[in-house]
Every structure is written in structure tokens, then in C-alpha cells.
N, C-alpha and C. Protein backbone atom coordinates (compact mmCIF):
# COMPACT_ATOMS: atom_id res chain seq x y z
N MET A 1 19.43 3.60 9.02
CA MET A 1 18.61 4.12 10.11
C MET A 1 17.23 3.48 10.01
N PRO A 2 16.72 2.91 11.09
CA PRO A 2 15.38 2.33 11.07
C PRO A 2 14.34 3.39 10.72
N TYR A 3 13.26 2.97 10.09
CA TYR A 3 12.25 3.91 9.62
C TYR A 3 11.61 4.70 10.74
N GLY A 4 11.34 4.08 11.87
CA GLY A 4 10.65 4.74 12.96
C GLY A 4 11.48 5.79 13.68
N THR A 5 12.80 5.79 13.48
CA THR A 5 13.64 6.75 14.19
C THR A 5 13.96 7.97 13.34
N GLY A 6 13.50 8.01 12.15
CA GLY A 6 13.78 9.13 11.26
C GLY A 6 12.73 10.21 11.36
N MET A 7 12.51 10.88 10.27
CA MET A 7 11.60 12.00 10.21
C MET A 7 10.14 11.59 10.41
N TYR A 8 9.78 10.41 10.00
CA TYR A 8 8.40 9.95 10.05
C TYR A 8 8.31 8.67 10.87
N THR A 9 7.25 8.56 11.63
CA THR A 9 7.01 7.34 12.39
C THR A 9 5.79 6.66 11.80
N THR A 10 5.98 5.46 11.30
CA THR A 10 4.89 4.71 10.67
C THR A 10 4.52 3.51 11.54
N PRO A 11 3.30 3.00 11.36
CA PRO A 11 2.91 1.81 12.12
C PRO A 11 3.86 0.64 11.84
N ASP A 12 4.20 -0.08 12.86
CA ASP A 12 5.04 -1.28 12.74
C ASP A 12 6.40 -0.99 12.11
N ASP A 13 6.87 0.27 12.21
CA ASP A 13 8.18 0.64 11.70
C ASP A 13 8.35 0.31 10.21
N ARG A 14 7.31 0.56 9.44
CA ARG A 14 7.33 0.27 7.99
C ARG A 14 7.97 1.42 7.22
N PRO A 15 8.41 1.14 5.99
CA PRO A 15 8.89 2.23 5.13
C PRO A 15 7.74 3.20 4.84
N ILE A 16 8.05 4.42 4.43
CA ILE A 16 6.98 5.39 4.15
C ILE A 16 6.25 5.08 2.85
N TYR A 17 6.79 4.19 2.02
CA TYR A 17 6.14 3.77 0.77
C TYR A 17 5.88 2.28 0.87
N ARG A 18 4.67 1.87 0.50
CA ARG A 18 4.31 0.45 0.47
C ARG A 18 3.55 0.15 -0.81
N LEU A 19 3.75 -1.03 -1.35
CA LEU A 19 2.98 -1.49 -2.50
C LEU A 19 2.18 -2.69 -2.02
N LEU A 20 0.87 -2.49 -1.91
CA LEU A 20 -0.01 -3.57 -1.48
C LEU A 20 -0.40 -4.37 -2.72
N THR A 21 -0.28 -5.67 -2.65
CA THR A 21 -0.60 -6.53 -3.79
C THR A 21 -1.42 -7.72 -3.32
N GLY A 22 -2.14 -8.31 -4.26
CA GLY A 22 -2.89 -9.52 -3.93
C GLY A 22 -3.98 -9.79 -4.94
N LYS A 23 -4.69 -10.87 -4.71
CA LYS A 23 -5.84 -11.22 -5.53
C LYS A 23 -6.86 -10.09 -5.43
N ASP A 24 -7.44 -9.71 -6.57
CA ASP A 24 -8.41 -8.61 -6.60
C ASP A 24 -9.73 -9.11 -6.03
N ASP A 25 -9.85 -9.05 -4.71
CA ASP A 25 -11.05 -9.52 -4.03
C ASP A 25 -11.33 -8.64 -2.82
N ARG A 26 -12.32 -9.02 -2.06
CA ARG A 26 -12.71 -8.24 -0.89
C ARG A 26 -11.55 -8.11 0.10
N ALA A 27 -10.80 -9.18 0.29
CA ALA A 27 -9.68 -9.15 1.25
C ALA A 27 -8.65 -8.09 0.85
N PHE A 28 -8.37 -7.98 -0.45
CA PHE A 28 -7.42 -6.95 -0.91
C PHE A 28 -7.98 -5.56 -0.62
N CYS A 29 -9.25 -5.35 -0.94
CA CYS A 29 -9.88 -4.05 -0.69
C CYS A 29 -9.87 -3.72 0.79
N GLU A 30 -10.07 -4.71 1.63
CA GLU A 30 -10.03 -4.48 3.08
C GLU A 30 -8.62 -4.11 3.54
N ARG A 31 -7.58 -4.71 2.94
CA ARG A 31 -6.20 -4.35 3.28
C ARG A 31 -5.91 -2.90 2.93
N VAL A 32 -6.38 -2.47 1.74
CA VAL A 32 -6.17 -1.07 1.34
C VAL A 32 -6.96 -0.16 2.28
N SER A 33 -8.20 -0.52 2.58
CA SER A 33 -9.03 0.29 3.48
C SER A 33 -8.39 0.39 4.86
N GLU A 34 -7.85 -0.70 5.36
CA GLU A 34 -7.19 -0.70 6.66
C GLU A 34 -5.98 0.25 6.65
N ALA A 35 -5.21 0.21 5.58
CA ALA A 35 -4.06 1.10 5.47
C ALA A 35 -4.51 2.56 5.50
N LEU A 36 -5.60 2.88 4.81
CA LEU A 36 -6.11 4.25 4.80
C LEU A 36 -6.57 4.67 6.19
N MET A 37 -7.21 3.77 6.92
CA MET A 37 -7.67 4.08 8.28
C MET A 37 -6.49 4.28 9.23
N GLN A 38 -5.35 3.64 8.95
CA GLN A 38 -4.16 3.78 9.79
C GLN A 38 -3.41 5.08 9.52
N GLY A 39 -3.74 5.74 8.42
CA GLY A 39 -3.07 7.01 8.12
C GLY A 39 -2.28 7.02 6.82
N TRP A 40 -2.28 5.91 6.08
CA TRP A 40 -1.62 5.88 4.79
C TRP A 40 -2.53 6.59 3.79
N ARG A 41 -1.96 7.09 2.69
CA ARG A 41 -2.77 7.68 1.62
C ARG A 41 -2.40 7.04 0.30
N LEU A 42 -3.38 7.03 -0.60
CA LEU A 42 -3.15 6.42 -1.91
C LEU A 42 -2.07 7.18 -2.65
N TYR A 43 -1.27 6.45 -3.40
CA TYR A 43 -0.21 7.06 -4.19
C TYR A 43 -0.35 6.50 -5.60
N GLY A 44 -0.93 7.29 -6.48
CA GLY A 44 -1.15 6.84 -7.85
C GLY A 44 -2.39 5.97 -7.97
N SER A 45 -2.59 5.47 -9.15
CA SER A 45 -3.76 4.65 -9.46
C SER A 45 -3.48 3.18 -9.20
N PRO A 46 -4.53 2.41 -8.91
CA PRO A 46 -4.33 0.97 -8.77
C PRO A 46 -4.04 0.34 -10.12
N THR A 47 -3.44 -0.83 -10.07
CA THR A 47 -3.14 -1.59 -11.27
C THR A 47 -3.70 -2.99 -11.11
N ILE A 48 -4.25 -3.54 -12.19
CA ILE A 48 -4.70 -4.93 -12.14
C ILE A 48 -4.16 -5.65 -13.36
N THR A 49 -3.97 -6.94 -13.21
CA THR A 49 -3.49 -7.77 -14.31
C THR A 49 -4.03 -9.17 -14.12
N TRP A 50 -4.17 -9.89 -15.19
CA TRP A 50 -4.66 -11.26 -15.15
C TRP A 50 -3.50 -12.19 -14.81
N ASP A 51 -3.68 -13.02 -13.80
CA ASP A 51 -2.69 -14.02 -13.40
C ASP A 51 -3.08 -15.33 -14.08
N GLU A 52 -2.41 -15.63 -15.15
CA GLU A 52 -2.72 -16.82 -15.95
C GLU A 52 -2.59 -18.09 -15.11
N GLU A 53 -1.53 -18.19 -14.36
CA GLU A 53 -1.28 -19.39 -13.56
C GLU A 53 -2.34 -19.56 -12.46
N GLY A 54 -2.69 -18.45 -11.79
CA GLY A 54 -3.66 -18.51 -10.70
C GLY A 54 -5.10 -18.43 -11.18
N GLY A 55 -5.30 -18.02 -12.44
CA GLY A 55 -6.65 -17.92 -12.99
C GLY A 55 -7.49 -16.85 -12.32
N CYS A 56 -6.85 -15.72 -11.97
CA CYS A 56 -7.60 -14.64 -11.31
C CYS A 56 -6.93 -13.30 -11.60
N MET A 57 -7.65 -12.25 -11.28
CA MET A 57 -7.09 -10.91 -11.40
C MET A 57 -6.24 -10.63 -10.16
N LYS A 58 -5.10 -9.97 -10.36
CA LYS A 58 -4.23 -9.53 -9.28
C LYS A 58 -4.22 -8.01 -9.29
N ALA A 59 -4.19 -7.42 -8.11
CA ALA A 59 -4.24 -5.97 -7.98
C ALA A 59 -3.03 -5.46 -7.21
N ALA A 60 -2.70 -4.21 -7.46
CA ALA A 60 -1.63 -3.53 -6.73
C ALA A 60 -2.04 -2.09 -6.50
N GLN A 61 -1.75 -1.59 -5.30
CA GLN A 61 -2.02 -0.19 -4.97
C GLN A 61 -0.88 0.32 -4.10
N ALA A 62 -0.26 1.39 -4.54
CA ALA A 62 0.79 2.01 -3.74
C ALA A 62 0.15 2.95 -2.72
N VAL A 63 0.76 2.98 -1.53
CA VAL A 63 0.35 3.91 -0.49
C VAL A 63 1.60 4.53 0.13
N VAL A 64 1.46 5.76 0.62
CA VAL A 64 2.54 6.44 1.30
C VAL A 64 2.04 6.93 2.65
N TRP A 65 2.96 7.06 3.59
CA TRP A 65 2.59 7.54 4.92
C TRP A 65 2.13 8.98 4.80
N HIS A 66 1.05 9.32 5.48
CA HIS A 66 0.38 10.62 5.33
C HIS A 66 1.30 11.81 5.57
N GLU A 67 2.33 11.65 6.40
CA GLU A 67 3.23 12.77 6.70
C GLU A 67 4.35 12.91 5.67
N ALA A 68 4.55 11.90 4.86
CA ALA A 68 5.68 11.89 3.94
C ALA A 68 5.48 12.94 2.83
N ASP A 69 6.53 13.64 2.52
CA ASP A 69 6.53 14.63 1.44
C ASP A 69 7.09 13.95 0.20
N VAL A 70 6.20 13.39 -0.62
CA VAL A 70 6.65 12.66 -1.80
C VAL A 70 6.18 13.36 -3.07
N VAL A 71 6.93 13.18 -4.13
CA VAL A 71 6.60 13.78 -5.41
C VAL A 71 6.18 12.68 -6.36
N LYS A 72 5.08 12.90 -7.06
CA LYS A 72 4.62 11.92 -8.05
C LYS A 72 5.26 12.19 -9.38
């Protein structure tokens, strides 16, 4: 069943859980901020790790759709 036709309707028919990842920079923070403005909420703490090959920090933040009833 497509995500938008079920119990919850999310932007762009996305799953109710998303893991945002990327280089730990302003663009990543803006992506997380945009998700929050669209109605997503943070799920757990962010994670960062050093990307040896890319020579930079990489970040990840899980978000869930605000209507979703999820258990941590």
C-alpha cells in the first residue's frame, strides 16, 4: 500500500520514518530544519562520524511524521 493512502499522509508520499544523512554542514542543518517545518519531528539523537575517505564529518538524524505513533 502506498504511504499516502494509509493512515498517515506525508509530503511527497514518503515513509513515516526517514533518516537524513550528509556532510555535517549548513546544508545538512537546513535539510533537517526544512523537514521540521514540513511537520516531521526528531526521532532520537543525531549521530556524527568521521568520513576518512571524504575527509569530513558525516551526520545522520532520524525524523518521523508528526502524526505517526512510534515507540522509541
